[in-house]
Amino acid sequence: MMQLALYKGPAQNRWHQLAHRAVCLFTGSKYSHVELVINGTACSASARDGGVRIKQIDLASGKWDVVQISGDEGRAWDWFSIHAGQGYDFAGVARFIVPLLPHKRSQWFCSEAVAAALGLPEPDLWTPQMIFERYAG
C-alpha cells in the first residue's frame, strides 16, 4: 500500500513557519512538503534530516493530508533504499525562483525524490502540489 502524505502545517517554530509559507507561496500550494508512505513507512528528502531518508512519522497529527495512490511499491522502496543518505538539494528548491541555478544529481528535495521514486519524468520539476494533482486531483 502506498500513500502520499502532504504537509499542510501548522509549522512548529518560526523558522519552519517561514520555510513552510515561502514554499507554499512560490509553488502556489497549501502543501510545503510531501512524503511517499510505503507500507506505513515515510520516505522523502528533508532539509531537517539532511537529505533522503526513510523514517516513521505521525500522520495522525492533523498536519498532513494523506491520499492512497497506486504504483510500483517495490520500485519506489528500492529507489529510496538506494538513495538514502544523499544530501538535500537546497539549490533545487531555489530553482523554482531562480531557474538558472545548477542541478546536482546527488542531492534531492522532497517532491523531486518522491517523483523520481514514482518514475515521473523530470523529477526536479515537480512540486508537492503537482504530485498531489497527478495522483489525487
C-alpha atoms as a PDB file:
ATOM      1  CA  MET A   1       0.000   0.000   0.000  1.00  0.00           C
ATOM      2  CA  MET A   2       1.297   3.457  -0.920  1.00  0.00           C
ATOM      3  CA  GLN A   3       0.128   6.873   0.155  1.00  0.00           C
ATOM      4  CA  LEU A   4       1.098  10.474  -0.368  1.00  0.00           C
ATOM      5  CA  ALA A   5       1.380  12.447   2.859  1.00  0.00           C
ATOM      6  CA  LEU A   6       1.264  16.174   2.159  1.00  0.00           C
ATOM      7  CA  TYR A   7       2.319  18.617   4.883  1.00  0.00           C
ATOM      8  CA  LYS A   8      -0.134  21.468   5.417  1.00  0.00           C
ATOM      9  CA  GLY A   9       1.046  22.675   8.841  1.00  0.00           C
ATOM     10  CA  PRO A  10       0.928  24.414  11.172  1.00  0.00           C
ATOM     11  CA  ALA A  11       4.691  24.504  11.485  1.00  0.00           C
ATOM     12  CA  GLN A  12       6.344  24.119  14.901  1.00  0.00           C
ATOM     13  CA  ASN A  13       8.601  27.159  15.194  1.00  0.00           C
ATOM     14  CA  ARG A  14       9.339  30.456  13.442  1.00  0.00           C
ATOM     15  CA  TRP A  15      11.971  29.057  11.078  1.00  0.00           C
ATOM     16  CA  HIS A  16       9.689  26.206   9.998  1.00  0.00           C
ATOM     17  CA  GLN A  17       6.727  28.591   9.681  1.00  0.00           C
ATOM     18  CA  LEU A  18       8.761  30.872   7.417  1.00  0.00           C
ATOM     19  CA  ALA A  19      10.015  27.988   5.279  1.00  0.00           C
ATOM     20  CA  HIS A  20       6.502  26.480   5.047  1.00  0.00           C
ATOM     21  CA  ARG A  21       4.964  29.797   3.970  1.00  0.00           C
ATOM     22  CA  ALA A  22       7.723  30.512   1.453  1.00  0.00           C
ATOM     23  CA  VAL A  23       7.424  27.119  -0.243  1.00  0.00           C
ATOM     24  CA  CYS A  24       3.627  27.420  -0.338  1.00  0.00           C
ATOM     25  CA  LEU A  25       3.829  30.926  -1.770  1.00  0.00           C
ATOM     26  CA  PHE A  26       6.336  30.116  -4.512  1.00  0.00           C
ATOM     27  CA  THR A  27       4.668  26.845  -5.521  1.00  0.00           C
ATOM     28  CA  GLY A  28       1.081  28.119  -5.288  1.00  0.00           C
ATOM     29  CA  SER A  29       0.108  25.346  -2.924  1.00  0.00           C
ATOM     30  CA  LYS A  30      -1.117  24.759   0.606  1.00  0.00           C
ATOM     31  CA  TYR A  31       1.497  21.986   0.851  1.00  0.00           C
ATOM     32  CA  SER A  32       5.151  22.614   1.616  1.00  0.00           C
ATOM     33  CA  HIS A  33       6.357  19.001   1.823  1.00  0.00           C
ATOM     34  CA  VAL A  34       5.482  15.546   0.523  1.00  0.00           C
ATOM     35  CA  GLU A  35       6.259  12.062   1.783  1.00  0.00           C
ATOM     36  CA  LEU A  36       5.741   8.791  -0.038  1.00  0.00           C
ATOM     37  CA  VAL A  37       4.435   6.343   2.549  1.00  0.00           C
ATOM     38  CA  ILE A  38       5.159   2.731   1.681  1.00  0.00           C
ATOM     39  CA  ASN A  39       3.558   0.132   3.947  1.00  0.00           C
ATOM     40  CA  GLY A  40       3.412   2.652   6.800  1.00  0.00           C
ATOM     41  CA  THR A  41       6.977   3.970   6.457  1.00  0.00           C
ATOM     42  CA  ALA A  42       7.603   7.542   5.253  1.00  0.00           C
ATOM     43  CA  CYS A  43      10.156   8.154   2.511  1.00  0.00           C
ATOM     44  CA  SER A  44      11.274  11.573   1.294  1.00  0.00           C
ATOM     45  CA  ALA A  45      14.071  14.115   1.344  1.00  0.00           C
ATOM     46  CA  SER A  46      14.093  16.600   4.197  1.00  0.00           C
ATOM     47  CA  ALA A  47      16.250  19.601   4.993  1.00  0.00           C
ATOM     48  CA  ARG A  48      15.703  18.869   8.713  1.00  0.00           C
ATOM     49  CA  ASP A  49      17.025  15.337   8.287  1.00  0.00           C
ATOM     50  CA  GLY A  50      19.868  16.264   5.929  1.00  0.00           C
ATOM     51  CA  GLY A  51      18.523  14.707   2.752  1.00  0.00           C
ATOM     52  CA  VAL A  52      16.987  11.477   1.532  1.00  0.00           C
ATOM     53  CA  ARG A  53      15.718   9.319   4.372  1.00  0.00           C
ATOM     54  CA  ILE A  54      13.266   6.638   5.449  1.00  0.00           C
ATOM     55  CA  LYS A  55      11.540   7.013   8.832  1.00  0.00           C
ATOM     56  CA  GLN A  56       8.327   6.814  10.833  1.00  0.00           C
ATOM     57  CA  ILE A  57       6.198   9.957  11.074  1.00  0.00           C
ATOM     58  CA  ASP A  58       2.940  10.749  12.867  1.00  0.00           C
ATOM     59  CA  LEU A  59       0.381  11.042  10.084  1.00  0.00           C
ATOM     60  CA  ALA A  60      -2.460  11.387  12.607  1.00  0.00           C
ATOM     61  CA  SER A  61      -1.218  14.747  13.938  1.00  0.00           C
ATOM     62  CA  GLY A  62      -3.637  16.755  11.786  1.00  0.00           C
ATOM     63  CA  LYS A  63      -0.721  18.377   9.918  1.00  0.00           C
ATOM     64  CA  TRP A  64      -0.944  16.022   6.937  1.00  0.00           C
ATOM     65  CA  ASP A  65      -3.377  15.261   4.151  1.00  0.00           C
ATOM     66  CA  VAL A  66      -2.996  11.570   3.295  1.00  0.00           C
ATOM     67  CA  VAL A  67      -4.073  10.122  -0.048  1.00  0.00           C
ATOM     68  CA  GLN A  68      -3.987   6.493  -1.231  1.00  0.00           C
ATOM     69  CA  ILE A  69      -2.178   6.031  -4.545  1.00  0.00           C
ATOM     70  CA  SER A  70      -1.328   3.135  -6.796  1.00  0.00           C
ATOM     71  CA  GLY A  71       2.083   2.406  -8.194  1.00  0.00           C
ATOM     72  CA  ASP A  72       5.031   0.063  -8.050  1.00  0.00           C
ATOM     73  CA  GLU A  73       5.801  -0.149  -4.317  1.00  0.00           C
ATOM     74  CA  GLY A  74       8.890  -2.295  -4.852  1.00  0.00           C
ATOM     75  CA  ARG A  75      10.390   0.152  -7.336  1.00  0.00           C
ATOM     76  CA  ALA A  76       9.673   3.103  -5.052  1.00  0.00           C
ATOM     77  CA  TRP A  77      11.118   1.327  -1.988  1.00  0.00           C
ATOM     78  CA  ASP A  78      14.220   0.332  -3.942  1.00  0.00           C
ATOM     79  CA  TRP A  79      14.707   3.947  -5.085  1.00  0.00           C
ATOM     80  CA  PHE A  80      14.666   5.245  -1.510  1.00  0.00           C
ATOM     81  CA  SER A  81      16.861   2.389  -0.250  1.00  0.00           C
ATOM     82  CA  ILE A  82      19.484   3.152  -2.918  1.00  0.00           C
ATOM     83  CA  HIS A  83      19.420   6.942  -2.423  1.00  0.00           C
ATOM     84  CA  ALA A  84      19.056   7.064   1.395  1.00  0.00           C
ATOM     85  CA  GLY A  85      21.750   9.292   2.858  1.00  0.00           C
ATOM     86  CA  GLN A  86      22.154  11.505  -0.199  1.00  0.00           C
ATOM     87  CA  GLY A  87      22.053  15.227   0.553  1.00  0.00           C
ATOM     88  CA  TYR A  88      19.262  17.779   0.487  1.00  0.00           C
ATOM     89  CA  ASP A  89      19.015  19.904  -2.667  1.00  0.00           C
ATOM     90  CA  PHE A  90      18.630  23.486  -1.378  1.00  0.00           C
ATOM     91  CA  ALA A  91      19.531  24.867  -4.813  1.00  0.00           C
ATOM     92  CA  GLY A  92      16.828  22.663  -6.331  1.00  0.00           C
ATOM     93  CA  VAL A  93      14.173  24.304  -4.205  1.00  0.00           C
ATOM     94  CA  ALA A  94      15.554  27.731  -5.101  1.00  0.00           C
ATOM     95  CA  ARG A  95      15.414  26.815  -8.820  1.00  0.00           C
ATOM     96  CA  PHE A  96      11.651  27.370  -8.673  1.00  0.00           C
ATOM     97  CA  ILE A  97      12.521  31.066  -8.194  1.00  0.00           C
ATOM     98  CA  VAL A  98      15.888  31.282  -9.996  1.00  0.00           C
ATOM     99  CA  PRO A  99      15.804  28.647 -12.776  1.00  0.00           C
ATOM    100  CA  LEU A 100      19.456  29.128 -13.748  1.00  0.00           C
ATOM    101  CA  LEU A 101      20.805  27.564 -10.556  1.00  0.00           C
ATOM    102  CA  PRO A 102      22.727  24.315 -11.140  1.00  0.00           C
ATOM    103  CA  HIS A 103      21.155  20.910 -10.613  1.00  0.00           C
ATOM    104  CA  LYS A 104      23.075  18.298  -8.620  1.00  0.00           C
ATOM    105  CA  ARG A 105      22.130  14.702  -9.388  1.00  0.00           C
ATOM    106  CA  SER A 106      23.291  13.510  -5.952  1.00  0.00           C
ATOM    107  CA  GLN A 107      21.014  15.826  -3.952  1.00  0.00           C
ATOM    108  CA  TRP A 108      17.228  15.840  -3.700  1.00  0.00           C
ATOM    109  CA  PHE A 109      14.342  17.910  -2.352  1.00  0.00           C
ATOM    110  CA  CYS A 110      11.124  16.229  -1.178  1.00  0.00           C
ATOM    111  CA  SER A 111       8.949  16.283  -4.280  1.00  0.00           C
ATOM    112  CA  GLU A 112      11.919  15.579  -6.533  1.00  0.00           C
ATOM    113  CA  ALA A 113      12.719  12.413  -4.564  1.00  0.00           C
ATOM    114  CA  VAL A 114       9.077  11.285  -4.499  1.00  0.00           C
ATOM    115  CA  ALA A 115       8.663  11.972  -8.236  1.00  0.00           C
ATOM    116  CA  ALA A 116      11.847  10.022  -9.027  1.00  0.00           C
ATOM    117  CA  ALA A 117      10.747   7.077  -6.872  1.00  0.00           C
ATOM    118  CA  LEU A 118       7.381   7.054  -8.662  1.00  0.00           C
ATOM    119  CA  GLY A 119       9.118   7.115 -12.049  1.00  0.00           C
ATOM    120  CA  LEU A 120       7.783  10.519 -13.089  1.00  0.00           C
ATOM    121  CA  PRO A 121       9.656  12.368 -15.868  1.00  0.00           C
ATOM    122  CA  GLU A 122      11.957  15.269 -14.954  1.00  0.00           C
ATOM    123  CA  PRO A 123      11.550  14.806 -11.185  1.00  0.00           C
ATOM    124  CA  ASP A 124      13.282  18.104 -10.380  1.00  0.00           C
ATOM    125  CA  LEU A 125      10.326  19.999 -11.889  1.00  0.00           C
ATOM    126  CA  TRP A 126       7.647  18.517  -9.605  1.00  0.00           C
ATOM    127  CA  THR A 127       6.192  20.272  -6.557  1.00  0.00           C
ATOM    128  CA  PRO A 128       4.148  18.658  -3.770  1.00  0.00           C
ATOM    129  CA  GLN A 129       1.011  20.206  -5.307  1.00  0.00           C
ATOM    130  CA  MET A 130       1.784  18.815  -8.771  1.00  0.00           C
ATOM    131  CA  ILE A 131       2.262  15.300  -7.369  1.00  0.00           C
ATOM    132  CA  PHE A 132      -0.988  15.627  -5.429  1.00  0.00           C
ATOM    133  CA  GLU A 133      -2.852  16.715  -8.582  1.00  0.00           C
ATOM    134  CA  ARG A 134      -1.286  13.889 -10.638  1.00  0.00           C
ATOM    135  CA  TYR A 135      -2.377  11.175  -8.206  1.00  0.00           C
ATOM    136  CA  ALA A 136      -5.374  12.563  -6.301  1.00  0.00           C
ATOM    137  CA  GLY A 137      -6.608  15.568  -8.237  1.00  0.00           C
END
